[in-house]
Amino acid sequence: MASKRIAQADRTRCVSCGACMQECPREAICVWKGCFAVVDCALCVGCGMCMRICPADCITLVQREAQA
């Protein structure tokens, strides 16, 4: 069962350091073309580990949208 929360990165504040990508236990985050972090909604479990490690404070946990 998926979490009700999901990580979301603000690409305008991301510094592309990769800390979130390394910290994610589900490998749900990648740094797209070296520019900004992108979260794979299918893999993210909403644990918040990426949010705690992010030096730019650009990751938040938001409500997962209901699946139709």
N, C-alpha and C. Protein backbone atom coordinates (compact mmCIF):
# COMPACT_ATOMS: atom_id res chain seq x y z
N MET A 1 0.85 -1.20 0.00
CA MET A 1 0.00 0.00 0.00
C MET A 1 0.88 1.25 0.00
N ALA A 2 0.59 2.18 -0.85
CA ALA A 2 1.38 3.40 -0.99
C ALA A 2 1.05 4.39 0.13
N SER A 3 2.02 5.20 0.46
CA SER A 3 1.85 6.24 1.46
C SER A 3 0.90 7.31 0.94
N LYS A 4 0.31 8.06 1.84
CA LYS A 4 -0.56 9.16 1.44
C LYS A 4 0.25 10.40 1.08
N ARG A 5 1.56 10.35 1.36
CA ARG A 5 2.44 11.48 1.06
C ARG A 5 3.44 11.09 -0.02
N ILE A 6 3.97 12.11 -0.66
CA ILE A 6 4.97 11.90 -1.69
C ILE A 6 5.92 13.10 -1.68
N ALA A 7 7.18 12.86 -1.99
CA ALA A 7 8.16 13.94 -2.05
C ALA A 7 7.94 14.75 -3.33
N GLN A 8 8.21 16.04 -3.22
CA GLN A 8 8.11 16.93 -4.37
C GLN A 8 9.26 17.92 -4.29
N ALA A 9 10.04 18.02 -5.36
CA ALA A 9 11.18 18.93 -5.39
C ALA A 9 10.84 20.20 -6.14
N ASP A 10 11.25 21.32 -5.58
CA ASP A 10 11.09 22.62 -6.24
C ASP A 10 12.29 22.82 -7.14
N ARG A 11 12.11 22.64 -8.43
CA ARG A 11 13.24 22.68 -9.36
C ARG A 11 13.90 24.05 -9.45
N THR A 12 13.21 25.10 -9.04
CA THR A 12 13.82 26.43 -9.09
C THR A 12 14.81 26.65 -7.95
N ARG A 13 14.68 25.86 -6.89
CA ARG A 13 15.59 26.00 -5.74
C ARG A 13 16.63 24.89 -5.67
N CYS A 14 16.46 23.84 -6.46
CA CYS A 14 17.37 22.68 -6.42
C CYS A 14 18.76 23.08 -6.91
N VAL A 15 19.79 22.61 -6.19
CA VAL A 15 21.18 22.91 -6.56
C VAL A 15 21.86 21.70 -7.22
N SER A 16 21.11 20.68 -7.53
CA SER A 16 21.59 19.49 -8.26
C SER A 16 22.75 18.78 -7.58
N CYS A 17 22.75 18.75 -6.26
CA CYS A 17 23.88 18.14 -5.54
C CYS A 17 23.79 16.61 -5.50
N GLY A 18 22.58 16.07 -5.64
CA GLY A 18 22.40 14.62 -5.63
C GLY A 18 22.28 14.00 -4.25
N ALA A 19 22.29 14.81 -3.20
CA ALA A 19 22.19 14.28 -1.83
C ALA A 19 20.89 13.50 -1.64
N CYS A 20 19.80 14.02 -2.16
CA CYS A 20 18.50 13.36 -2.03
C CYS A 20 18.50 12.02 -2.76
N MET A 21 19.11 12.00 -3.92
CA MET A 21 19.19 10.79 -4.73
C MET A 21 19.97 9.70 -3.98
N GLN A 22 21.05 10.07 -3.34
CA GLN A 22 21.86 9.12 -2.59
C GLN A 22 21.16 8.65 -1.32
N GLU A 23 20.35 9.49 -0.72
CA GLU A 23 19.69 9.17 0.56
C GLU A 23 18.43 8.34 0.38
N CYS A 24 17.79 8.43 -0.77
CA CYS A 24 16.50 7.76 -0.99
C CYS A 24 16.65 6.24 -0.95
N PRO A 25 15.93 5.57 -0.03
CA PRO A 25 16.05 4.11 0.09
C PRO A 25 15.35 3.36 -1.05
N ARG A 26 14.51 4.03 -1.81
CA ARG A 26 13.77 3.40 -2.90
C ARG A 26 14.27 3.79 -4.29
N GLU A 27 15.35 4.58 -4.34
CA GLU A 27 15.89 5.07 -5.61
C GLU A 27 14.82 5.75 -6.44
N ALA A 28 14.01 6.56 -5.77
CA ALA A 28 12.88 7.22 -6.41
C ALA A 28 13.22 8.62 -6.93
N ILE A 29 14.46 9.05 -6.74
CA ILE A 29 14.85 10.40 -7.14
C ILE A 29 16.04 10.33 -8.09
N CYS A 30 15.98 11.15 -9.12
CA CYS A 30 17.13 11.29 -10.01
C CYS A 30 17.34 12.78 -10.25
N VAL A 31 18.56 13.13 -10.64
CA VAL A 31 18.85 14.52 -10.99
C VAL A 31 18.81 14.58 -12.51
N TRP A 32 17.77 15.19 -13.04
CA TRP A 32 17.51 15.23 -14.48
C TRP A 32 18.53 16.09 -15.21
N LYS A 33 19.30 15.46 -16.08
CA LYS A 33 20.30 16.13 -16.91
C LYS A 33 21.20 17.07 -16.12
N GLY A 34 21.44 16.73 -14.84
CA GLY A 34 22.31 17.55 -14.00
C GLY A 34 21.71 18.88 -13.60
N CYS A 35 20.40 19.03 -13.80
CA CYS A 35 19.76 20.34 -13.56
C CYS A 35 18.94 20.42 -12.28
N PHE A 36 18.10 19.42 -12.03
CA PHE A 36 17.22 19.46 -10.85
C PHE A 36 16.71 18.06 -10.52
N ALA A 37 16.30 17.88 -9.28
CA ALA A 37 15.80 16.59 -8.81
C ALA A 37 14.38 16.34 -9.31
N VAL A 38 14.15 15.09 -9.68
CA VAL A 38 12.83 14.65 -10.13
C VAL A 38 12.46 13.40 -9.33
N VAL A 39 11.23 13.37 -8.82
CA VAL A 39 10.76 12.25 -8.00
C VAL A 39 9.88 11.33 -8.84
N ASP A 40 10.15 10.04 -8.79
CA ASP A 40 9.32 9.04 -9.46
C ASP A 40 8.17 8.69 -8.51
N CYS A 41 6.98 9.13 -8.84
CA CYS A 41 5.80 8.95 -7.98
C CYS A 41 5.50 7.47 -7.70
N ALA A 42 5.81 6.61 -8.65
CA ALA A 42 5.53 5.19 -8.48
C ALA A 42 6.45 4.53 -7.46
N LEU A 43 7.64 5.10 -7.27
CA LEU A 43 8.60 4.51 -6.34
C LEU A 43 8.63 5.18 -4.97
N CYS A 44 8.27 6.45 -4.90
CA CYS A 44 8.34 7.21 -3.65
C CYS A 44 7.36 6.68 -2.62
N VAL A 45 7.85 6.48 -1.38
CA VAL A 45 6.99 6.02 -0.29
C VAL A 45 6.72 7.11 0.73
N GLY A 46 7.20 8.32 0.48
CA GLY A 46 6.91 9.45 1.36
C GLY A 46 7.60 9.40 2.71
N CYS A 47 8.78 8.78 2.78
CA CYS A 47 9.48 8.64 4.06
C CYS A 47 10.09 9.96 4.55
N GLY A 48 10.39 10.88 3.64
CA GLY A 48 10.93 12.18 4.02
C GLY A 48 12.43 12.23 4.22
N MET A 49 13.13 11.14 3.96
CA MET A 49 14.58 11.15 4.14
C MET A 49 15.25 12.14 3.21
N CYS A 50 14.76 12.27 2.01
CA CYS A 50 15.32 13.23 1.05
C CYS A 50 15.11 14.67 1.53
N MET A 51 13.98 14.92 2.11
CA MET A 51 13.65 16.26 2.61
C MET A 51 14.60 16.66 3.74
N ARG A 52 14.92 15.73 4.61
CA ARG A 52 15.80 16.02 5.73
C ARG A 52 17.25 16.26 5.31
N ILE A 53 17.69 15.62 4.22
CA ILE A 53 19.09 15.72 3.81
C ILE A 53 19.35 16.88 2.85
N CYS A 54 18.33 17.41 2.23
CA CYS A 54 18.48 18.43 1.18
C CYS A 54 19.08 19.73 1.72
N PRO A 55 20.28 20.12 1.23
CA PRO A 55 20.91 21.35 1.71
C PRO A 55 20.22 22.62 1.20
N ALA A 56 19.47 22.51 0.11
CA ALA A 56 18.78 23.67 -0.46
C ALA A 56 17.36 23.80 0.09
N ASP A 57 16.93 22.85 0.90
CA ASP A 57 15.59 22.86 1.49
C ASP A 57 14.52 23.01 0.40
N CYS A 58 14.70 22.24 -0.69
CA CYS A 58 13.77 22.38 -1.81
C CYS A 58 12.78 21.22 -1.92
N ILE A 59 12.85 20.26 -1.00
CA ILE A 59 11.95 19.11 -1.07
C ILE A 59 10.92 19.18 0.05
N THR A 60 9.68 18.96 -0.33
CA THR A 60 8.59 18.94 0.65
C THR A 60 7.79 17.65 0.45
N LEU A 61 7.03 17.28 1.45
CA LEU A 61 6.11 16.15 1.32
C LEU A 61 4.72 16.72 1.10
N VAL A 62 4.06 16.23 0.07
CA VAL A 62 2.72 16.69 -0.27
C VAL A 62 1.78 15.50 -0.32
N GLN A 63 0.50 15.77 -0.30
CA GLN A 63 -0.50 14.70 -0.40
C GLN A 63 -0.41 14.05 -1.77
N ARG A 64 -0.39 12.73 -1.78
CA ARG A 64 -0.42 11.98 -3.04
C ARG A 64 -1.80 12.13 -3.63
N GLU A 65 -1.88 12.37 -4.93
CA GLU A 65 -3.17 12.51 -5.59
C GLU A 65 -3.86 11.15 -5.66
N ALA A 66 -5.16 11.16 -5.51
CA ALA A 66 -5.93 9.92 -5.55
C ALA A 66 -5.87 9.32 -6.96
N GLN A 67 -5.69 8.02 -7.02
CA GLN A 67 -5.65 7.32 -8.31
C GLN A 67 -7.07 7.03 -8.76
N ALA A 68 -7.35 7.31 -10.00
CA ALA A 68 -8.71 7.11 -10.54
C ALA A 68 -8.96 5.66 -10.86
